[in-house]
Amino acid sequence: MHTENVKIVEVNEENWYACCELTVSEEQQGFVEPNAVSIAQSKFEPSLQPYAIYAGDTVAGFLMFNTVKEELDAYWIYRIMVDAKHQGKGIAKAATRLALAEMNRTLQAEKVVVGYHPDNLAAHKLYASLGFVDQGNRFGKEMAVVKTMTSS
């Protein structure tokens, strides 16, 4: 699959249920909240912006970021996941790039943080490849990596 077919679309009445049906691989189950929980959270915390990740015309993943600065004086990517049957195709990397571009465009984000469990090696590899740096920040059981954005 070519990553130019990846797009992110705000969660809406047409794609929310497909997002809820997505699951990660068994070894990643403990690392990500169910998408239904994230979508519900976004309804009670309006600063959270949920997106469906499309690969072509198929909902293949989910991501959510906040629209207000939080810890580390940064915007946070709260969730990103790709369904188990779509993993290993570059979708998460392409979607994260799209989310960063959207955060830069709409929020003028200068710094973006993402937290993940230190045992989640796939997340570590993904975020390192996108320029996120481990500055030693820890929040509970999660490490938080930071990306300083450049103007584009």
C-alpha atoms as a PDB file:
ATOM      1  CA  MET A   1       0.000   0.000   0.000  1.00  0.00           C
ATOM      2  CA  HIS A   2       1.275   3.431  -0.904  1.00  0.00           C
ATOM      3  CA  THR A   3       1.061   5.947   1.920  1.00  0.00           C
ATOM      4  CA  GLU A   4      -0.162   8.674  -0.422  1.00  0.00           C
ATOM      5  CA  ASN A   5      -3.543   6.913  -0.104  1.00  0.00           C
ATOM      6  CA  VAL A   6      -3.649   7.726   3.623  1.00  0.00           C
ATOM      7  CA  LYS A   7      -5.826  10.570   4.869  1.00  0.00           C
ATOM      8  CA  ILE A   8      -7.283  11.663   8.192  1.00  0.00           C
ATOM      9  CA  VAL A   9     -10.913  12.713   8.523  1.00  0.00           C
ATOM     10  CA  GLU A  10     -12.618  14.074  11.620  1.00  0.00           C
ATOM     11  CA  VAL A  11     -14.677  11.418  13.337  1.00  0.00           C
ATOM     12  CA  ASN A  12     -18.282  11.896  12.246  1.00  0.00           C
ATOM     13  CA  GLU A  13     -21.605  10.098  11.952  1.00  0.00           C
ATOM     14  CA  GLU A  14     -20.333   8.153   8.935  1.00  0.00           C
ATOM     15  CA  ASN A  15     -17.081   6.761  10.373  1.00  0.00           C
ATOM     16  CA  TRP A  16     -17.359   6.645  14.177  1.00  0.00           C
ATOM     17  CA  TYR A  17     -18.641   3.077  14.346  1.00  0.00           C
ATOM     18  CA  ALA A  18     -15.953   1.801  11.975  1.00  0.00           C
ATOM     19  CA  CYS A  19     -13.397   3.402  14.315  1.00  0.00           C
ATOM     20  CA  CYS A  20     -14.961   1.555  17.258  1.00  0.00           C
ATOM     21  CA  GLU A  21     -14.610  -1.789  15.477  1.00  0.00           C
ATOM     22  CA  LEU A  22     -10.839  -1.436  14.944  1.00  0.00           C
ATOM     23  CA  THR A  23      -8.477  -3.491  17.097  1.00  0.00           C
ATOM     24  CA  VAL A  24      -4.726  -3.629  17.547  1.00  0.00           C
ATOM     25  CA  SER A  25      -2.629  -6.775  17.502  1.00  0.00           C
ATOM     26  CA  GLU A  26      -2.702  -8.966  20.591  1.00  0.00           C
ATOM     27  CA  GLU A  27       0.746  -7.844  21.794  1.00  0.00           C
ATOM     28  CA  GLN A  28      -0.388  -4.190  21.649  1.00  0.00           C
ATOM     29  CA  GLN A  29      -3.700  -4.690  23.512  1.00  0.00           C
ATOM     30  CA  GLY A  30      -2.477  -3.261  26.809  1.00  0.00           C
ATOM     31  CA  PHE A  31      -0.969  -0.166  25.229  1.00  0.00           C
ATOM     32  CA  VAL A  32      -3.991   1.579  23.684  1.00  0.00           C
ATOM     33  CA  GLU A  33      -7.436   2.491  25.002  1.00  0.00           C
ATOM     34  CA  PRO A  34     -10.361   1.223  22.933  1.00  0.00           C
ATOM     35  CA  ASN A  35     -11.375   3.764  20.308  1.00  0.00           C
ATOM     36  CA  ALA A  36     -14.927   3.883  21.698  1.00  0.00           C
ATOM     37  CA  VAL A  37     -13.487   5.177  24.988  1.00  0.00           C
ATOM     38  CA  SER A  38     -11.465   7.821  23.149  1.00  0.00           C
ATOM     39  CA  ILE A  39     -14.461   8.960  21.105  1.00  0.00           C
ATOM     40  CA  ALA A  40     -16.579   9.205  24.259  1.00  0.00           C
ATOM     41  CA  GLN A  41     -13.766  11.121  25.987  1.00  0.00           C
ATOM     42  CA  SER A  42     -13.737  13.628  23.118  1.00  0.00           C
ATOM     43  CA  LYS A  43     -17.438  14.353  23.709  1.00  0.00           C
ATOM     44  CA  PHE A  44     -16.757  15.334  27.325  1.00  0.00           C
ATOM     45  CA  GLU A  45     -13.407  17.037  26.710  1.00  0.00           C
ATOM     46  CA  PRO A  46     -14.073  19.314  23.720  1.00  0.00           C
ATOM     47  CA  SER A  47     -10.378  20.182  23.332  1.00  0.00           C
ATOM     48  CA  LEU A  48      -9.767  16.615  22.082  1.00  0.00           C
ATOM     49  CA  GLN A  49     -10.041  16.188  18.325  1.00  0.00           C
ATOM     50  CA  PRO A  50     -10.616  12.602  17.082  1.00  0.00           C
ATOM     51  CA  TYR A  51      -9.826  11.491  13.523  1.00  0.00           C
ATOM     52  CA  ALA A  52     -10.427   8.358  11.490  1.00  0.00           C
ATOM     53  CA  ILE A  53      -7.392   7.232   9.541  1.00  0.00           C
ATOM     54  CA  TYR A  54      -8.300   6.100   6.045  1.00  0.00           C
ATOM     55  CA  ALA A  55      -6.243   3.873   3.775  1.00  0.00           C
ATOM     56  CA  GLY A  56      -7.955   4.507   0.475  1.00  0.00           C
ATOM     57  CA  ASP A  57     -11.678   4.262   1.228  1.00  0.00           C
ATOM     58  CA  THR A  58     -11.221   2.012   4.289  1.00  0.00           C
ATOM     59  CA  VAL A  59     -11.140   3.166   7.902  1.00  0.00           C
ATOM     60  CA  ALA A  60      -7.841   1.612   8.982  1.00  0.00           C
ATOM     61  CA  GLY A  61      -7.003   3.495  12.169  1.00  0.00           C
ATOM     62  CA  PHE A  62      -7.780   6.191  14.679  1.00  0.00           C
ATOM     63  CA  LEU A  63      -5.948   9.138  16.165  1.00  0.00           C
ATOM     64  CA  MET A  64      -6.779  11.935  18.549  1.00  0.00           C
ATOM     65  CA  PHE A  65      -4.915  15.052  19.628  1.00  0.00           C
ATOM     66  CA  ASN A  66      -5.669  17.952  21.902  1.00  0.00           C
ATOM     67  CA  THR A  67      -6.181  21.523  20.779  1.00  0.00           C
ATOM     68  CA  VAL A  68      -4.897  23.193  23.942  1.00  0.00           C
ATOM     69  CA  LYS A  69      -1.422  23.092  25.425  1.00  0.00           C
ATOM     70  CA  GLU A  70      -0.929  20.792  28.384  1.00  0.00           C
ATOM     71  CA  GLU A  71       2.083  19.340  30.180  1.00  0.00           C
ATOM     72  CA  LEU A  72       5.490  20.409  28.881  1.00  0.00           C
ATOM     73  CA  ASP A  73       3.808  23.493  27.369  1.00  0.00           C
ATOM     74  CA  ALA A  74       2.925  21.406  24.332  1.00  0.00           C
ATOM     75  CA  TYR A  75       0.081  19.938  22.328  1.00  0.00           C
ATOM     76  CA  TRP A  76      -0.340  16.194  22.784  1.00  0.00           C
ATOM     77  CA  ILE A  77      -1.226  13.388  20.451  1.00  0.00           C
ATOM     78  CA  TYR A  78      -3.446  11.361  22.771  1.00  0.00           C
ATOM     79  CA  ARG A  79      -4.061   8.294  20.659  1.00  0.00           C
ATOM     80  CA  ILE A  80      -2.879   6.722  17.475  1.00  0.00           C
ATOM     81  CA  MET A  81      -3.612   3.210  16.379  1.00  0.00           C
ATOM     82  CA  VAL A  82      -3.846   1.199  13.196  1.00  0.00           C
ATOM     83  CA  ASP A  83      -6.029  -1.880  12.960  1.00  0.00           C
ATOM     84  CA  ALA A  84      -4.086  -5.145  13.221  1.00  0.00           C
ATOM     85  CA  LYS A  85      -4.862  -6.159   9.644  1.00  0.00           C
ATOM     86  CA  HIS A  86      -3.489  -2.856   8.299  1.00  0.00           C
ATOM     87  CA  GLN A  87      -0.275  -2.682  10.334  1.00  0.00           C
ATOM     88  CA  GLY A  88       3.157  -2.783   8.745  1.00  0.00           C
ATOM     89  CA  LYS A  89       2.119  -0.732   5.703  1.00  0.00           C
ATOM     90  CA  GLY A  90       3.340   2.721   6.755  1.00  0.00           C
ATOM     91  CA  ILE A  91      -0.156   3.933   7.621  1.00  0.00           C
ATOM     92  CA  ALA A  92       0.676   5.044  11.177  1.00  0.00           C
ATOM     93  CA  LYS A  93       3.682   7.031   9.995  1.00  0.00           C
ATOM     94  CA  ALA A  94       1.731   8.721   7.201  1.00  0.00           C
ATOM     95  CA  ALA A  95      -1.198   9.487   9.539  1.00  0.00           C
ATOM     96  CA  THR A  96       1.104  10.900  12.208  1.00  0.00           C
ATOM     97  CA  ARG A  97       2.696  13.179   9.616  1.00  0.00           C
ATOM     98  CA  LEU A  98      -0.783  14.332   8.574  1.00  0.00           C
ATOM     99  CA  ALA A  99      -1.736  14.972  12.205  1.00  0.00           C
ATOM    100  CA  LEU A 100       1.445  16.978  12.771  1.00  0.00           C
ATOM    101  CA  ALA A 101       0.735  19.037   9.661  1.00  0.00           C
ATOM    102  CA  GLU A 102      -2.847  19.647  10.830  1.00  0.00           C
ATOM    103  CA  MET A 103      -1.625  20.678  14.297  1.00  0.00           C
ATOM    104  CA  ASN A 104       0.902  23.008  12.719  1.00  0.00           C
ATOM    105  CA  ARG A 105      -1.717  24.510  10.381  1.00  0.00           C
ATOM    106  CA  THR A 106      -4.604  24.931  12.833  1.00  0.00           C
ATOM    107  CA  LEU A 107      -2.807  25.381  16.153  1.00  0.00           C
ATOM    108  CA  GLN A 108       0.541  26.786  15.051  1.00  0.00           C
ATOM    109  CA  ALA A 109       1.965  24.050  17.291  1.00  0.00           C
ATOM    110  CA  GLU A 110       5.589  24.650  18.153  1.00  0.00           C
ATOM    111  CA  LYS A 111       5.963  21.527  20.265  1.00  0.00           C
ATOM    112  CA  VAL A 112       4.089  18.216  20.115  1.00  0.00           C
ATOM    113  CA  VAL A 113       4.321  15.415  22.658  1.00  0.00           C
ATOM    114  CA  VAL A 114       3.177  11.842  22.535  1.00  0.00           C
ATOM    115  CA  GLY A 115       3.164   9.433  25.450  1.00  0.00           C
ATOM    116  CA  TYR A 116       3.468   5.687  25.223  1.00  0.00           C
ATOM    117  CA  HIS A 117       4.394   2.687  27.322  1.00  0.00           C
ATOM    118  CA  PRO A 118       8.163   2.055  27.245  1.00  0.00           C
ATOM    119  CA  ASP A 119       7.561  -1.592  26.246  1.00  0.00           C
ATOM    120  CA  ASN A 120       5.736  -0.507  23.076  1.00  0.00           C
ATOM    121  CA  LEU A 121       8.674  -0.913  20.707  1.00  0.00           C
ATOM    122  CA  ALA A 122       6.594  -0.233  17.591  1.00  0.00           C
ATOM    123  CA  ALA A 123       5.593   3.167  18.999  1.00  0.00           C
ATOM    124  CA  HIS A 124       9.182   3.923  19.969  1.00  0.00           C
ATOM    125  CA  LYS A 125      10.407   3.156  16.445  1.00  0.00           C
ATOM    126  CA  LEU A 126       7.598   5.161  14.830  1.00  0.00           C
ATOM    127  CA  TYR A 127       8.057   8.313  16.898  1.00  0.00           C
ATOM    128  CA  ALA A 128      11.860   8.245  16.706  1.00  0.00           C
ATOM    129  CA  SER A 129      11.609   8.015  12.896  1.00  0.00           C
ATOM    130  CA  LEU A 130       9.453  11.168  12.910  1.00  0.00           C
ATOM    131  CA  GLY A 131      11.897  13.208  14.978  1.00  0.00           C
ATOM    132  CA  PHE A 132      10.389  12.808  18.455  1.00  0.00           C
ATOM    133  CA  VAL A 133      13.084  12.881  21.132  1.00  0.00           C
ATOM    134  CA  ASP A 134      13.096  11.273  24.567  1.00  0.00           C
ATOM    135  CA  GLN A 135      14.038  14.076  26.968  1.00  0.00           C
ATOM    136  CA  GLY A 136      13.462  11.917  30.048  1.00  0.00           C
ATOM    137  CA  ASN A 137       9.859  12.979  30.675  1.00  0.00           C
ATOM    138  CA  ARG A 138       7.720  10.353  32.395  1.00  0.00           C
ATOM    139  CA  PHE A 139       4.043  10.493  33.343  1.00  0.00           C
ATOM    140  CA  GLY A 140       2.939   7.525  35.375  1.00  0.00           C
ATOM    141  CA  LYS A 141       3.740   4.397  33.382  1.00  0.00           C
ATOM    142  CA  GLU A 142       4.281   6.316  30.151  1.00  0.00           C
ATOM    143  CA  MET A 143       7.284   8.011  28.647  1.00  0.00           C
ATOM    144  CA  ALA A 144       6.655  11.232  26.768  1.00  0.00           C
ATOM    145  CA  VAL A 145       8.671  12.083  23.674  1.00  0.00           C
ATOM    146  CA  VAL A 146       8.846  15.573  22.232  1.00  0.00           C
ATOM    147  CA  LYS A 147       8.963  16.937  18.697  1.00  0.00           C
ATOM    148  CA  THR A 148       9.909  20.535  18.081  1.00  0.00           C
ATOM    149  CA  MET A 149       7.993  21.672  15.036  1.00  0.00           C
ATOM    150  CA  THR A 150       9.423  23.744  12.252  1.00  0.00           C
ATOM    151  CA  SER A 151       7.391  26.250  10.313  1.00  0.00           C
ATOM    152  CA  SER A 152       6.075  24.992   7.040  1.00  0.00           C
END
